Amino acid sequence: MLEHSGLNCENAPYEFAQAYQMKRVPKINYDDRYSGSGCYDIGGEEYLSFGNRMEYVMLSKYWN
């Protein structure tokens, strides 16, 4: 669970977009092939990425 929003893998992509004021709703692959959705900027040098079929949500922080 992400502490700021309380969201997790059971939430829909649009809920992440709303909670983090994302410029675009994450595109999640729901078929059997793996396809990365890319990283989504959520501010403060933090990014979210999502696994195939919402298997995981990963928060990354980039330091300068």
C-alpha atoms as a PDB file:
ATOM      1  CA  MET A   1       0.000   0.000   0.000  1.00  0.00           C
ATOM      2  CA  LEU A   2       1.241   3.466  -0.817  1.00  0.00           C
ATOM      3  CA  GLU A   3       1.152   5.567   2.333  1.00  0.00           C
ATOM      4  CA  HIS A   4       0.144   8.871   0.714  1.00  0.00           C
ATOM      5  CA  SER A   5      -2.964   7.552  -0.992  1.00  0.00           C
ATOM      6  CA  GLY A   6      -3.681   4.188   0.608  1.00  0.00           C
ATOM      7  CA  LEU A   7      -3.931   2.669  -2.885  1.00  0.00           C
ATOM      8  CA  ASN A   8      -2.670  -0.791  -3.819  1.00  0.00           C
ATOM      9  CA  CYS A   9      -2.871  -3.369  -6.627  1.00  0.00           C
ATOM     10  CA  GLU A  10      -6.596  -3.830  -6.098  1.00  0.00           C
ATOM     11  CA  ASN A  11      -7.343  -0.242  -7.158  1.00  0.00           C
ATOM     12  CA  ALA A  12      -8.072   0.774 -10.743  1.00  0.00           C
ATOM     13  CA  PRO A  13      -5.537   2.788 -12.761  1.00  0.00           C
ATOM     14  CA  TYR A  14      -7.849   5.828 -12.879  1.00  0.00           C
ATOM     15  CA  GLU A  15      -7.839   5.926  -9.059  1.00  0.00           C
ATOM     16  CA  PHE A  16      -4.056   6.364  -9.110  1.00  0.00           C
ATOM     17  CA  ALA A  17      -4.412   9.122 -11.704  1.00  0.00           C
ATOM     18  CA  GLN A  18      -6.935  10.949  -9.508  1.00  0.00           C
ATOM     19  CA  ALA A  19      -5.027  10.508  -6.240  1.00  0.00           C
ATOM     20  CA  TYR A  20      -1.694  11.664  -7.658  1.00  0.00           C
ATOM     21  CA  GLN A  21      -2.963  14.257 -10.169  1.00  0.00           C
ATOM     22  CA  MET A  22      -1.304  12.298 -12.963  1.00  0.00           C
ATOM     23  CA  LYS A  23      -1.426  13.817 -16.447  1.00  0.00           C
ATOM     24  CA  ARG A  24      -2.560  10.522 -17.951  1.00  0.00           C
ATOM     25  CA  VAL A  25      -4.295   7.387 -16.732  1.00  0.00           C
ATOM     26  CA  PRO A  26      -1.923   4.407 -16.654  1.00  0.00           C
ATOM     27  CA  LYS A  27      -2.461   1.892 -19.459  1.00  0.00           C
ATOM     28  CA  ILE A  28      -2.434  -1.582 -18.005  1.00  0.00           C
ATOM     29  CA  ASN A  29      -1.982  -4.721 -20.088  1.00  0.00           C
ATOM     30  CA  TYR A  30      -4.625  -7.289 -19.147  1.00  0.00           C
ATOM     31  CA  ASP A  31      -3.808 -10.005 -21.690  1.00  0.00           C
ATOM     32  CA  ASP A  32      -1.268 -12.802 -21.239  1.00  0.00           C
ATOM     33  CA  ARG A  33       1.738 -11.034 -22.746  1.00  0.00           C
ATOM     34  CA  TYR A  34       3.995  -8.923 -20.561  1.00  0.00           C
ATOM     35  CA  SER A  35       4.076  -5.311 -21.568  1.00  0.00           C
ATOM     36  CA  GLY A  36       5.559  -2.598 -19.396  1.00  0.00           C
ATOM     37  CA  SER A  37       3.380   0.447 -18.959  1.00  0.00           C
ATOM     38  CA  GLY A  38       6.268   2.817 -18.389  1.00  0.00           C
ATOM     39  CA  CYS A  39       6.806   5.182 -15.508  1.00  0.00           C
ATOM     40  CA  TYR A  40       4.319   7.825 -14.461  1.00  0.00           C
ATOM     41  CA  ASP A  41       5.553  11.018 -12.809  1.00  0.00           C
ATOM     42  CA  ILE A  42       3.775  11.785  -9.528  1.00  0.00           C
ATOM     43  CA  GLY A  43       5.985  14.702  -8.471  1.00  0.00           C
ATOM     44  CA  GLY A  44       8.828  15.107  -6.018  1.00  0.00           C
ATOM     45  CA  GLU A  45      11.134  13.022  -8.239  1.00  0.00           C
ATOM     46  CA  GLU A  46       8.833  10.022  -7.615  1.00  0.00           C
ATOM     47  CA  TYR A  47       7.427   7.725 -10.279  1.00  0.00           C
ATOM     48  CA  LEU A  48       4.927   4.878 -10.327  1.00  0.00           C
ATOM     49  CA  SER A  49       5.081   1.866 -12.599  1.00  0.00           C
ATOM     50  CA  PHE A  50       2.542  -0.926 -12.867  1.00  0.00           C
ATOM     51  CA  GLY A  51       2.884  -4.634 -13.560  1.00  0.00           C
ATOM     52  CA  ASN A  52       1.004  -6.675 -16.090  1.00  0.00           C
ATOM     53  CA  ARG A  53      -2.623  -7.087 -14.929  1.00  0.00           C
ATOM     54  CA  MET A  54      -1.850  -4.792 -11.941  1.00  0.00           C
ATOM     55  CA  GLU A  55       0.269  -7.561 -10.373  1.00  0.00           C
ATOM     56  CA  TYR A  56       2.352  -4.891  -8.689  1.00  0.00           C
ATOM     57  CA  VAL A  57       2.707  -1.158  -8.249  1.00  0.00           C
ATOM     58  CA  MET A  58       6.255   0.105  -7.864  1.00  0.00           C
ATOM     59  CA  LEU A  59       7.233   3.491  -6.450  1.00  0.00           C
ATOM     60  CA  SER A  60      10.643   4.763  -7.553  1.00  0.00           C
ATOM     61  CA  LYS A  61      12.475   7.824  -6.314  1.00  0.00           C
ATOM     62  CA  TYR A  62      15.275   9.363  -8.338  1.00  0.00           C
ATOM     63  CA  TRP A  63      17.933  11.323  -6.494  1.00  0.00           C
ATOM     64  CA  ASN A  64      20.012  14.059  -8.077  1.00  0.00           C
END
